[in-house]
């Protein structure tokens, strides 16, 4: 009997979810009418991009 391993795509799924939120943050950064709204969009884009990279590393 041979042992097999099943690879999970959990890291890919979590990464894609964070990338989607990152893109929303980038759109907010581009389209917000105030400087504060653009700052929040930039902050969200940076944080969720970092979390996407961490998710790939964590689940790989």
N, C-alpha and C. Protein backbone atom coordinates (compact mmCIF):
# COMPACT_ATOMS: atom_id res chain seq x y z
N UNK A 1 0.84 -1.17 0.00
CA UNK A 1 0.00 0.00 0.00
C UNK A 1 0.89 1.24 0.00
N UNK A 2 0.61 2.13 -0.91
CA UNK A 2 1.46 3.32 -1.01
C UNK A 2 0.78 4.49 -0.31
N UNK A 3 1.62 5.32 0.21
CA UNK A 3 1.11 6.53 0.87
C UNK A 3 1.06 7.65 -0.15
N UNK A 4 0.02 8.40 -0.12
CA UNK A 4 -0.12 9.54 -1.02
C UNK A 4 -0.42 10.79 -0.24
N UNK A 5 -0.05 11.85 -0.81
CA UNK A 5 -0.35 13.12 -0.16
C UNK A 5 -1.31 13.91 -1.04
N UNK A 6 -2.19 14.58 -0.40
CA UNK A 6 -3.15 15.41 -1.11
C UNK A 6 -2.77 16.87 -0.86
N UNK A 7 -2.48 17.56 -1.95
CA UNK A 7 -2.15 18.97 -1.80
C UNK A 7 -3.42 19.79 -1.75
N UNK A 8 -3.43 20.74 -0.88
CA UNK A 8 -4.59 21.61 -0.73
C UNK A 8 -4.36 22.90 -1.50
N UNK A 9 -5.43 23.42 -2.04
CA UNK A 9 -5.36 24.71 -2.72
C UNK A 9 -5.83 25.83 -1.82
N UNK A 10 -5.78 25.60 -0.53
CA UNK A 10 -6.25 26.60 0.42
C UNK A 10 -5.43 27.88 0.32
N UNK A 11 -4.13 27.75 0.17
CA UNK A 11 -3.26 28.93 0.05
C UNK A 11 -3.61 29.75 -1.17
N UNK A 12 -3.89 29.07 -2.28
CA UNK A 12 -4.26 29.78 -3.49
C UNK A 12 -5.59 30.50 -3.33
N UNK A 13 -6.55 29.85 -2.71
CA UNK A 13 -7.85 30.47 -2.49
C UNK A 13 -7.79 31.67 -1.58
N UNK A 14 -7.05 31.54 -0.49
CA UNK A 14 -6.91 32.66 0.45
C UNK A 14 -6.17 33.81 -0.22
N UNK A 15 -5.15 33.47 -1.00
CA UNK A 15 -4.40 34.50 -1.70
C UNK A 15 -5.29 35.25 -2.69
N UNK A 16 -6.12 34.53 -3.44
CA UNK A 16 -7.00 35.19 -4.40
C UNK A 16 -8.04 36.07 -3.71
N UNK A 17 -8.51 35.66 -2.54
CA UNK A 17 -9.44 36.49 -1.79
C UNK A 17 -8.77 37.79 -1.35
N UNK A 18 -7.54 37.69 -0.86
CA UNK A 18 -6.81 38.90 -0.45
C UNK A 18 -6.47 39.78 -1.65
N UNK A 19 -6.19 39.17 -2.79
CA UNK A 19 -5.90 39.96 -3.99
C UNK A 19 -7.14 40.73 -4.44
N UNK A 20 -8.31 40.10 -4.31
CA UNK A 20 -9.55 40.80 -4.67
C UNK A 20 -9.76 42.03 -3.80
N UNK A 21 -9.51 41.90 -2.51
CA UNK A 21 -9.65 43.05 -1.60
C UNK A 21 -8.56 44.09 -1.90
N UNK A 22 -7.38 43.63 -2.28
CA UNK A 22 -6.31 44.55 -2.65
C UNK A 22 -6.71 45.38 -3.86
N UNK A 23 -7.34 44.75 -4.83
CA UNK A 23 -7.78 45.49 -6.02
C UNK A 23 -8.87 46.50 -5.68
N UNK A 24 -9.74 46.15 -4.76
CA UNK A 24 -10.76 47.11 -4.31
C UNK A 24 -10.09 48.30 -3.64
N UNK A 25 -9.09 48.03 -2.81
CA UNK A 25 -8.34 49.12 -2.18
C UNK A 25 -7.65 50.01 -3.20
N UNK A 26 -7.12 49.41 -4.26
CA UNK A 26 -6.46 50.21 -5.30
C UNK A 26 -7.47 51.08 -6.05
N UNK A 27 -8.66 50.54 -6.29
CA UNK A 27 -9.69 51.33 -6.96
C UNK A 27 -10.13 52.49 -6.06
N UNK A 28 -10.27 52.22 -4.78
CA UNK A 28 -10.63 53.29 -3.83
C UNK A 28 -9.52 54.35 -3.80
N UNK A 29 -8.28 53.90 -3.82
CA UNK A 29 -7.16 54.83 -3.81
C UNK A 29 -7.20 55.73 -5.05
N UNK A 30 -7.59 55.18 -6.16
CA UNK A 30 -7.63 55.96 -7.39
C UNK A 30 -8.87 56.86 -7.47
N UNK A 31 -10.01 56.37 -6.98
CA UNK A 31 -11.24 57.08 -7.23
C UNK A 31 -11.85 57.82 -6.07
N UNK A 32 -11.23 57.80 -4.92
CA UNK A 32 -11.81 58.49 -3.76
C UNK A 32 -11.74 60.01 -3.96
N UNK A 33 -12.79 60.70 -3.54
CA UNK A 33 -12.81 62.14 -3.77
C UNK A 33 -11.93 62.94 -2.80
N UNK A 34 -11.62 62.37 -1.65
CA UNK A 34 -10.82 63.12 -0.66
C UNK A 34 -9.46 62.46 -0.47
N UNK A 35 -8.56 63.23 0.06
CA UNK A 35 -7.22 62.72 0.33
C UNK A 35 -7.26 61.62 1.39
N UNK A 36 -8.13 61.77 2.38
CA UNK A 36 -8.25 60.75 3.43
C UNK A 36 -8.78 59.44 2.86
N UNK A 37 -9.73 59.50 1.96
CA UNK A 37 -10.24 58.28 1.32
C UNK A 37 -9.18 57.60 0.50
N UNK A 38 -8.36 58.36 -0.19
CA UNK A 38 -7.25 57.79 -0.96
C UNK A 38 -6.22 57.14 -0.04
N UNK A 39 -5.99 57.75 1.10
CA UNK A 39 -5.04 57.17 2.07
C UNK A 39 -5.56 55.85 2.60
N UNK A 40 -6.87 55.78 2.91
CA UNK A 40 -7.45 54.51 3.36
C UNK A 40 -7.36 53.44 2.27
N UNK A 41 -7.58 53.82 1.03
CA UNK A 41 -7.46 52.87 -0.08
C UNK A 41 -6.05 52.36 -0.22
N UNK A 42 -5.08 53.27 -0.10
CA UNK A 42 -3.68 52.86 -0.18
C UNK A 42 -3.32 51.92 0.96
N UNK A 43 -3.76 52.28 2.15
CA UNK A 43 -3.47 51.42 3.31
C UNK A 43 -4.07 50.04 3.16
N UNK A 44 -5.30 49.97 2.70
CA UNK A 44 -5.95 48.67 2.50
C UNK A 44 -5.22 47.87 1.43
N UNK A 45 -4.83 48.52 0.35
CA UNK A 45 -4.12 47.82 -0.73
C UNK A 45 -2.80 47.24 -0.24
N UNK A 46 -2.06 48.01 0.54
CA UNK A 46 -0.76 47.54 1.03
C UNK A 46 -0.94 46.39 2.03
N UNK A 47 -1.86 46.54 2.97
CA UNK A 47 -2.05 45.52 4.00
C UNK A 47 -2.53 44.21 3.39
N UNK A 48 -3.51 44.27 2.49
CA UNK A 48 -4.03 43.03 1.93
C UNK A 48 -3.08 42.41 0.91
N UNK A 49 -2.24 43.20 0.26
CA UNK A 49 -1.20 42.63 -0.59
C UNK A 49 -0.19 41.87 0.25
N UNK A 50 0.17 42.44 1.39
CA UNK A 50 1.07 41.76 2.32
C UNK A 50 0.45 40.45 2.82
N UNK A 51 -0.83 40.50 3.17
CA UNK A 51 -1.51 39.29 3.63
C UNK A 51 -1.61 38.23 2.55
N UNK A 52 -1.73 38.64 1.28
CA UNK A 52 -1.75 37.67 0.19
C UNK A 52 -0.43 36.93 0.09
N UNK A 53 0.66 37.65 0.22
CA UNK A 53 1.98 37.02 0.17
C UNK A 53 2.17 36.09 1.38
N UNK A 54 1.75 36.54 2.54
CA UNK A 54 1.87 35.72 3.75
C UNK A 54 1.03 34.45 3.63
N UNK A 55 -0.15 34.54 3.04
CA UNK A 55 -1.01 33.37 2.88
C UNK A 55 -0.35 32.33 1.98
N UNK A 56 0.28 32.77 0.91
CA UNK A 56 0.97 31.82 0.02
C UNK A 56 2.11 31.14 0.77
N UNK A 57 2.87 31.91 1.52
CA UNK A 57 3.99 31.34 2.25
C UNK A 57 3.54 30.42 3.38
N UNK A 58 2.45 30.78 4.03
CA UNK A 58 1.96 30.03 5.19
C UNK A 58 1.39 28.67 4.76
N UNK A 59 0.61 28.64 3.70
CA UNK A 59 -0.06 27.42 3.30
C UNK A 59 0.73 26.60 2.30
N UNK A 60 1.89 27.05 1.89
CA UNK A 60 2.67 26.30 0.90
C UNK A 60 3.51 25.25 1.52
